[in-house]
């Protein structure tokens, strides 16, 4: 009896050590694996369409990966040097602009010389931080290219097998899941709703808003339009902030610098088109809604960004949603129903 107990303890210790070792092995590429799975989920509808015409899943998945590389990766790689150059130029130009003078011309009754100086300093500090963050981000990107290429390879590897073997993977996960059928459905519903809400409702719509603003910036001949477009995309994607942080200052600067008509056009375009495009696209892109309260979702997005980086946009709200589901089971006295009997 004592021998059996010791054997069980040793077995548990051995399993525990194996799990720890496995965690150490995948720790540095864990986020890349998660990104690969998320991308597989996001692009799976496109894979299904390709697979209708090309029955070989290997070939269909390879075509999808090549499409992603040509449509996203190569243009991004080409634009990065231009964005770095324009970011430095923008930072240099802003440091020489007398924002206080513009403010006094625009609203002389509000912006007294002393107040406008203080306000201008705050605006310069904010814009400086944003542009400095972009420069540092680009610099880190260049320095970490070997590591990023390795992480990208892990993302593609995970994406390939998660897409090609999606049915087998789903069956395998279900076979391992300790959850009951009802709780599985709730967790799966929240996963789909939150993922769709973030990917289509936040990221895609934010990207479209930034691109729409960028098109107008190019039409009006605004200098450094590429880096301003990137800023508009980033601010549109991040909750609470918006592309107004880009188009309002630019339109005001244009108004007081002798381009009044162009400034008015940009202001009205940003106010009417860019700011309201989400109201048009959201009902079209989103069919499922999450039960996660808006405030909790916002906290999850912000906390997720801090904890996991960009992938935290989805992981943060997802984790909080699952915690709320467990709390709801507990509140109803059905905690035992979460797991299979």
Protein backbone atom coordinates (compact mmCIF):
# COMPACT_ATOMS: atom_id res chain seq x y z
CA UNK A 1 0.00 0.00 0.00
CA UNK A 2 2.79 2.37 0.98
CA UNK A 3 4.68 1.46 -2.21
CA UNK A 4 1.65 2.33 -4.38
CA UNK A 5 1.28 5.71 -2.65
CA UNK A 6 4.97 6.54 -3.24
CA UNK A 7 4.65 5.47 -6.90
CA UNK A 8 1.64 7.79 -7.34
CA UNK A 9 3.51 10.70 -5.75
CA UNK A 10 6.53 10.08 -7.98
CA UNK A 11 4.28 9.84 -11.04
CA UNK A 12 2.58 13.15 -10.16
CA UNK A 13 5.97 14.80 -9.57
CA UNK A 14 7.21 13.48 -12.92
CA UNK A 15 4.09 14.76 -14.73
CA UNK A 16 4.44 18.13 -12.95
CA UNK A 17 8.10 18.41 -13.99
CA UNK A 18 7.18 17.53 -17.58
CA UNK A 19 4.48 20.23 -17.63
CA UNK A 20 6.92 22.81 -16.22
CA UNK A 21 9.54 21.80 -18.81
CA UNK A 22 6.93 22.06 -21.58
CA UNK A 23 5.97 25.55 -20.36
CA UNK A 24 9.64 26.63 -20.37
CA UNK A 25 10.01 25.32 -23.94
CA UNK A 26 7.00 27.19 -25.36
CA UNK A 27 7.07 30.26 -23.05
CA UNK A 28 9.02 32.46 -25.47
CA UNK A 29 6.78 31.54 -28.44
CA UNK A 30 3.47 31.21 -26.56
CA UNK A 31 2.04 34.52 -27.83
CA UNK A 32 3.07 33.61 -31.40
CA UNK A 33 1.21 30.30 -31.09
CA UNK A 34 -1.90 32.12 -29.81
CA UNK A 35 -1.66 34.61 -32.69
CA UNK A 36 -1.41 31.68 -35.14
CA UNK A 37 -4.60 30.12 -33.73
CA UNK A 38 -6.44 33.46 -33.76
CA UNK A 39 -5.42 34.14 -37.36
CA UNK A 40 -6.56 30.62 -38.31
CA UNK A 41 -9.97 31.38 -36.79
CA UNK A 42 -10.19 34.82 -38.46
CA UNK A 43 -9.18 33.64 -41.94
CA UNK A 44 -11.01 30.29 -41.81
CA UNK A 45 -14.01 31.59 -43.87
CA UNK A 46 -11.58 32.56 -46.66
CA UNK A 47 -9.93 29.12 -46.40
CA UNK A 48 -13.33 27.45 -46.84
CA UNK A 49 -13.99 29.44 -50.01
CA UNK A 50 -10.58 28.50 -51.44
CA UNK A 51 -11.12 24.88 -50.39
CA UNK A 52 -14.36 24.76 -52.40
CA UNK A 53 -12.39 25.16 -55.62
CA UNK A 54 -9.16 23.47 -54.52
CA UNK A 55 -10.04 20.27 -52.70
CA UNK A 56 -6.51 19.59 -51.46
CA UNK A 57 -6.33 21.19 -48.01
CA UNK A 58 -2.52 21.44 -48.12
CA UNK A 59 -2.62 23.45 -51.33
CA UNK A 60 -5.59 25.57 -50.21
CA UNK A 61 -3.84 26.48 -46.93
CA UNK A 62 -0.58 27.29 -48.76
CA UNK A 63 -2.44 29.58 -51.19
CA UNK A 64 -4.10 31.37 -48.24
CA UNK A 65 -0.71 31.90 -46.53
CA UNK A 66 0.79 33.27 -49.75
CA UNK A 67 -2.18 35.65 -50.13
CA UNK A 68 -1.69 36.92 -46.57
CA UNK A 69 2.05 37.43 -47.17
CA UNK A 70 1.50 39.30 -50.47
CA UNK A 71 -1.45 41.39 -49.26
CA UNK A 72 -0.23 42.23 -45.73
CA UNK A 73 3.40 41.30 -45.01
CA UNK A 74 5.15 42.57 -48.18
CA UNK A 75 3.36 45.99 -48.32
CA UNK A 76 4.03 46.46 -44.60
CA UNK A 77 7.70 45.59 -45.03
CA UNK A 78 7.93 48.06 -47.94
CA UNK A 79 6.22 50.89 -46.04
CA UNK A 80 8.23 50.61 -42.81
CA UNK A 81 11.33 52.55 -44.06
CA UNK A 82 9.03 55.28 -45.46
CA UNK A 83 7.13 55.48 -42.16
CA UNK A 84 10.37 55.75 -40.16
CA UNK A 85 11.58 58.58 -42.41
CA UNK A 86 8.26 60.45 -42.28
CA UNK A 87 7.98 59.98 -38.50
CA UNK A 88 11.38 61.63 -37.97
CA UNK A 89 10.45 64.46 -40.38
CA UNK A 90 7.09 64.97 -38.63
CA UNK A 91 8.72 65.05 -35.21
CA UNK A 92 11.25 67.62 -36.47
CA UNK A 93 8.54 69.77 -38.11
CA UNK A 94 6.30 69.74 -35.02
CA UNK A 95 9.13 70.86 -32.78
CA UNK A 96 9.45 74.01 -34.93
CA UNK A 97 5.71 74.82 -35.17
CA UNK A 98 4.46 77.67 -32.98
CA UNK A 99 1.19 76.02 -31.84
CA UNK A 100 0.46 78.84 -29.36
CA UNK A 101 0.36 81.38 -32.19
CA UNK A 102 -2.09 79.23 -34.16
CA UNK A 103 -4.35 78.85 -31.12
CA UNK A 104 -4.38 82.59 -30.47
CA UNK A 105 -5.35 83.24 -34.10
CA UNK A 106 -8.06 80.58 -34.10
CA UNK A 107 -9.80 81.47 -30.78
CA UNK A 108 -8.37 84.72 -29.44
CA UNK A 109 -11.14 85.09 -26.84
CA UNK A 110 -10.23 81.77 -25.17
CA UNK A 111 -6.52 81.38 -25.78
CA UNK A 112 -4.73 84.22 -24.04
CA UNK A 113 -0.94 84.30 -24.59
CA UNK A 114 -0.22 82.62 -21.23
CA UNK A 115 -2.94 79.97 -21.55
CA UNK A 116 -2.09 79.19 -25.18
CA UNK A 117 1.59 78.68 -24.29
CA UNK A 118 0.69 76.14 -21.60
CA UNK A 119 -1.85 74.41 -23.83
CA UNK A 120 0.62 74.27 -26.73
CA UNK A 121 3.24 72.70 -24.48
CA UNK A 122 0.78 69.95 -23.49
CA UNK A 123 -0.14 69.28 -27.14
CA UNK A 124 3.52 69.15 -28.15
CA UNK A 125 4.29 66.80 -25.27
CA UNK A 126 1.42 64.47 -26.24
CA UNK A 127 2.32 64.46 -29.95
CA UNK A 128 5.99 64.05 -29.05
CA UNK A 129 5.20 60.97 -26.96
CA UNK A 130 3.09 59.46 -29.74
CA UNK A 131 5.73 60.04 -32.42
CA UNK A 132 8.53 59.00 -30.08
CA UNK A 133 6.69 55.74 -29.39
CA UNK A 134 6.40 55.15 -33.13
CA UNK A 135 10.11 55.82 -33.67
CA UNK A 136 11.06 53.50 -30.79
CA UNK A 137 8.67 50.88 -32.14
CA UNK A 138 10.23 51.05 -35.60
CA UNK A 139 13.74 50.97 -34.08
CA UNK A 140 12.90 47.90 -31.99
CA UNK A 141 11.44 46.30 -35.10
CA UNK A 142 14.69 46.78 -37.04
CA UNK A 143 16.88 45.57 -34.14
CA UNK A 144 14.69 42.52 -33.47
CA UNK A 145 14.28 41.42 -37.10
CA UNK A 146 15.92 37.96 -36.58
CA UNK A 147 13.73 37.25 -33.54
CA UNK A 148 10.63 38.61 -35.31
CA UNK A 149 11.27 36.39 -38.33
CA UNK A 150 11.49 33.37 -36.04
CA UNK A 151 8.27 34.37 -34.26
CA UNK A 152 6.63 34.94 -37.66
CA UNK A 153 7.68 31.43 -38.72
CA UNK A 154 6.00 30.03 -35.56
CA UNK A 155 2.83 32.03 -36.37
CA UNK A 156 2.78 30.66 -39.95
CA UNK A 157 3.51 27.09 -38.76
CA UNK A 158 0.67 27.24 -36.20
CA UNK A 159 -1.64 28.93 -38.69
CA UNK A 160 -0.94 26.29 -41.35
CA UNK A 161 -1.76 23.26 -39.19
CA UNK A 162 -4.62 24.93 -37.29
CA UNK A 163 -6.27 25.82 -40.62
CA UNK A 164 -5.57 22.59 -42.48
CA UNK A 165 -6.48 20.28 -39.58
CA UNK A 166 -9.23 22.45 -38.04
CA UNK A 167 -11.78 19.62 -37.85
CA UNK A 168 -9.33 17.20 -36.21
CA UNK A 169 -8.17 19.93 -33.83
CA UNK A 170 -11.74 20.76 -32.81
CA UNK A 171 -12.55 17.09 -32.12
CA UNK A 172 -9.32 16.69 -30.14
CA UNK A 173 -10.03 19.76 -27.98
CA UNK A 174 -13.63 18.59 -27.33
CA UNK A 175 -12.34 15.15 -26.31
CA UNK A 176 -9.96 16.78 -23.78
CA UNK A 177 -12.45 19.33 -22.47
CA UNK A 178 -13.70 18.67 -18.92
CA UNK A 179 -16.61 21.09 -19.50
CA UNK A 180 -20.25 20.04 -19.78
CA UNK A 181 -22.05 20.54 -23.10
CA UNK A 182 -24.02 23.57 -21.84
CA UNK A 183 -20.96 25.35 -20.42
CA UNK A 184 -18.97 24.51 -23.56
CA UNK A 185 -21.64 26.24 -25.65
CA UNK A 186 -21.53 29.35 -23.45
CA UNK A 187 -17.74 29.56 -23.53
CA UNK A 188 -17.72 29.00 -27.31
CA UNK A 189 -20.44 31.63 -27.85
CA UNK A 190 -18.43 34.20 -25.88
CA UNK A 191 -15.24 33.30 -27.75
CA UNK A 192 -16.89 33.80 -31.14
CA UNK A 193 -18.79 36.94 -30.12
CA UNK A 194 -15.79 38.65 -28.47
CA UNK A 195 -13.32 37.65 -31.19
CA UNK A 196 -15.68 38.88 -33.93
CA UNK A 197 -16.44 42.05 -31.96
CA UNK A 198 -12.75 42.92 -31.51
CA UNK A 199 -11.48 41.78 -34.92
CA UNK A 200 -14.31 43.21 -37.02
CA UNK A 201 -15.82 45.82 -34.71
CA UNK A 202 -12.58 47.29 -33.39
CA UNK A 203 -9.58 46.37 -35.55
CA UNK A 204 -11.10 46.19 -39.05
CA UNK A 205 -13.37 49.23 -38.60
CA UNK A 206 -10.48 51.16 -37.02
CA UNK A 207 -8.27 50.22 -39.97
CA UNK A 208 -10.94 51.37 -42.45
CA UNK A 209 -11.40 54.67 -40.57
CA UNK A 210 -7.64 55.30 -40.65
CA UNK A 211 -7.40 54.47 -44.37
CA UNK A 212 -10.37 56.72 -45.23
CA UNK A 213 -8.74 59.59 -43.37
CA UNK A 214 -5.40 58.82 -45.07
CA UNK A 215 -7.01 59.02 -48.52
CA UNK A 216 -8.30 62.52 -47.79
CA UNK A 217 -4.92 63.58 -46.38
CA UNK A 218 -3.29 62.50 -49.68
CA UNK A 219 -5.96 64.28 -51.74
CA UNK A 220 -5.45 67.52 -49.78
CA UNK A 221 -1.65 67.21 -50.09
CA UNK A 222 -0.99 67.08 -46.34
CA UNK A 223 2.75 66.47 -45.68
CA UNK A 224 3.84 63.17 -44.11
CA UNK A 225 0.46 61.59 -44.93
CA UNK A 226 1.69 58.00 -44.51
CA UNK A 227 2.78 58.37 -40.90
CA UNK A 228 -0.38 60.38 -40.12
CA UNK A 229 -2.47 57.58 -41.65
CA UNK A 230 -0.68 55.02 -39.46
CA UNK A 231 -1.35 57.23 -36.41
CA UNK A 232 -5.02 57.48 -37.44
CA UNK A 233 -5.29 53.67 -37.74
CA UNK A 234 -3.68 53.12 -34.31
CA UNK A 235 -5.84 55.74 -32.58
CA UNK A 236 -8.99 54.37 -34.28
CA UNK A 237 -8.29 50.82 -33.10
CA UNK A 238 -7.52 51.74 -29.47
CA UNK A 239 -10.75 52.08 -27.42
CA UNK A 240 -11.84 55.50 -26.10
CA UNK A 241 -9.32 57.25 -28.40
CA UNK A 242 -10.20 57.85 -32.05
CA UNK A 243 -8.96 59.23 -35.35
CA UNK A 244 -10.23 62.67 -34.24
CA UNK A 245 -6.89 62.94 -32.41
CA UNK A 246 -5.33 63.23 -35.88
CA UNK A 247 -7.85 65.03 -38.07
CA UNK A 248 -8.93 67.76 -35.62
CA UNK A 249 -5.40 69.20 -35.00
CA UNK A 250 -4.47 68.93 -38.69
CA UNK A 251 -7.68 70.64 -39.86
CA UNK A 252 -7.23 73.44 -37.30
CA UNK A 253 -3.59 73.97 -38.31
CA UNK A 254 -4.67 74.14 -41.98
CA UNK A 255 -7.35 76.73 -41.15
CA UNK A 256 -4.98 79.11 -39.40
CA UNK A 257 -2.09 78.63 -41.82
CA UNK A 258 -3.82 80.00 -44.91
CA UNK A 259 -5.55 76.79 -46.11
CA UNK A 260 -8.93 77.57 -44.56
CA UNK A 261 -11.04 75.82 -47.24
CA UNK A 262 -8.94 72.62 -47.08
CA UNK A 263 -9.10 72.74 -43.27
CA UNK A 264 -12.91 72.98 -43.33
CA UNK A 265 -13.13 70.12 -45.86
CA UNK A 266 -10.94 67.88 -43.69
CA UNK A 267 -12.86 68.82 -40.52
CA UNK A 268 -16.27 68.07 -42.09
CA UNK A 269 -14.95 64.88 -43.74
CA UNK A 270 -13.60 63.64 -40.39
CA UNK A 271 -16.77 64.62 -38.52
CA UNK A 272 -19.33 63.26 -41.00
CA UNK A 273 -17.60 60.39 -42.85
CA UNK A 274 -14.71 59.04 -40.76
CA UNK A 275 -16.41 59.33 -37.35
CA UNK A 276 -19.68 57.76 -38.52
CA UNK A 277 -18.45 54.97 -40.79
CA UNK A 278 -18.48 52.56 -37.83
CA UNK A 279 -22.25 53.11 -37.44
CA UNK A 280 -22.68 51.87 -41.02
CA UNK A 281 -20.18 48.99 -40.93
CA UNK A 282 -20.83 47.59 -37.44
CA UNK A 283 -24.31 46.13 -38.17
CA UNK A 284 -22.99 44.66 -41.45
CA UNK A 285 -19.84 43.07 -39.97
CA UNK A 286 -21.22 41.93 -36.61
CA UNK A 287 -24.03 39.39 -36.40
CA UNK A 288 -23.24 37.91 -32.97
CA UNK A 289 -23.19 39.98 -29.80
CA UNK A 290 -21.38 39.17 -26.58
CA UNK A 291 -23.05 39.19 -23.14
CA UNK A 292 -19.93 40.91 -21.76
CA UNK A 293 -20.81 44.36 -20.34
CA UNK A 294 -19.23 47.24 -22.29
CA UNK A 295 -17.32 48.59 -19.27
CA UNK A 296 -15.86 45.16 -18.47
CA UNK A 297 -14.94 44.66 -22.13
CA UNK A 298 -13.15 48.02 -22.16
CA UNK A 299 -11.20 47.12 -19.00
CA UNK A 300 -10.34 43.75 -20.57
CA UNK A 301 -9.05 45.39 -23.77
CA UNK A 302 -6.88 47.94 -21.94
CA UNK A 303 -5.58 45.39 -19.40
CA UNK A 304 -5.02 42.85 -22.16
CA UNK A 305 -2.98 45.35 -24.17
CA UNK A 306 -0.74 45.99 -21.16
CA UNK A 307 -0.37 42.27 -20.31
CA UNK A 308 -0.12 40.59 -23.72
CA UNK A 309 0.45 43.32 -26.31
CA UNK A 310 -1.79 43.46 -29.41
CA UNK A 311 -3.09 39.92 -28.93
CA UNK A 312 -4.41 41.16 -25.56
CA UNK A 313 -7.14 43.03 -27.48
CA UNK A 314 -8.86 39.63 -27.69
CA UNK A 315 -7.35 37.71 -24.76
CA UNK A 316 -8.16 40.41 -22.17
CA UNK A 317 -11.95 40.57 -22.75
CA UNK A 318 -12.06 36.80 -23.32
CA UNK A 319 -10.49 36.04 -19.93
CA UNK A 320 -12.87 38.43 -18.13
CA UNK A 321 -15.85 36.98 -20.01
CA UNK A 322 -14.94 33.45 -18.90
CA UNK A 323 -14.48 34.60 -15.30
CA UNK A 324 -17.95 36.23 -15.38
CA UNK A 325 -19.48 33.01 -16.76
CA UNK A 326 -17.96 31.02 -13.85
CA UNK A 327 -19.21 33.66 -11.36
CA UNK A 328 -22.68 33.44 -12.95
CA UNK A 329 -22.71 29.64 -12.55
CA UNK A 330 -21.66 30.10 -8.91
CA UNK A 331 -24.36 32.77 -8.30
CA UNK A 332 -27.03 30.40 -9.60
CA UNK A 333 -25.69 27.54 -7.48
CA UNK A 334 -24.78 25.58 -10.60
CA UNK A 335 -20.99 25.62 -10.32
CA UNK A 336 -20.86 21.82 -10.47
CA UNK A 337 -22.66 21.91 -13.86
CA UNK A 338 -19.64 23.53 -15.53
CA UNK A 339 -17.84 20.18 -15.64
CA UNK A 340 -18.85 16.85 -17.08
CA UNK A 341 -20.45 14.55 -14.56
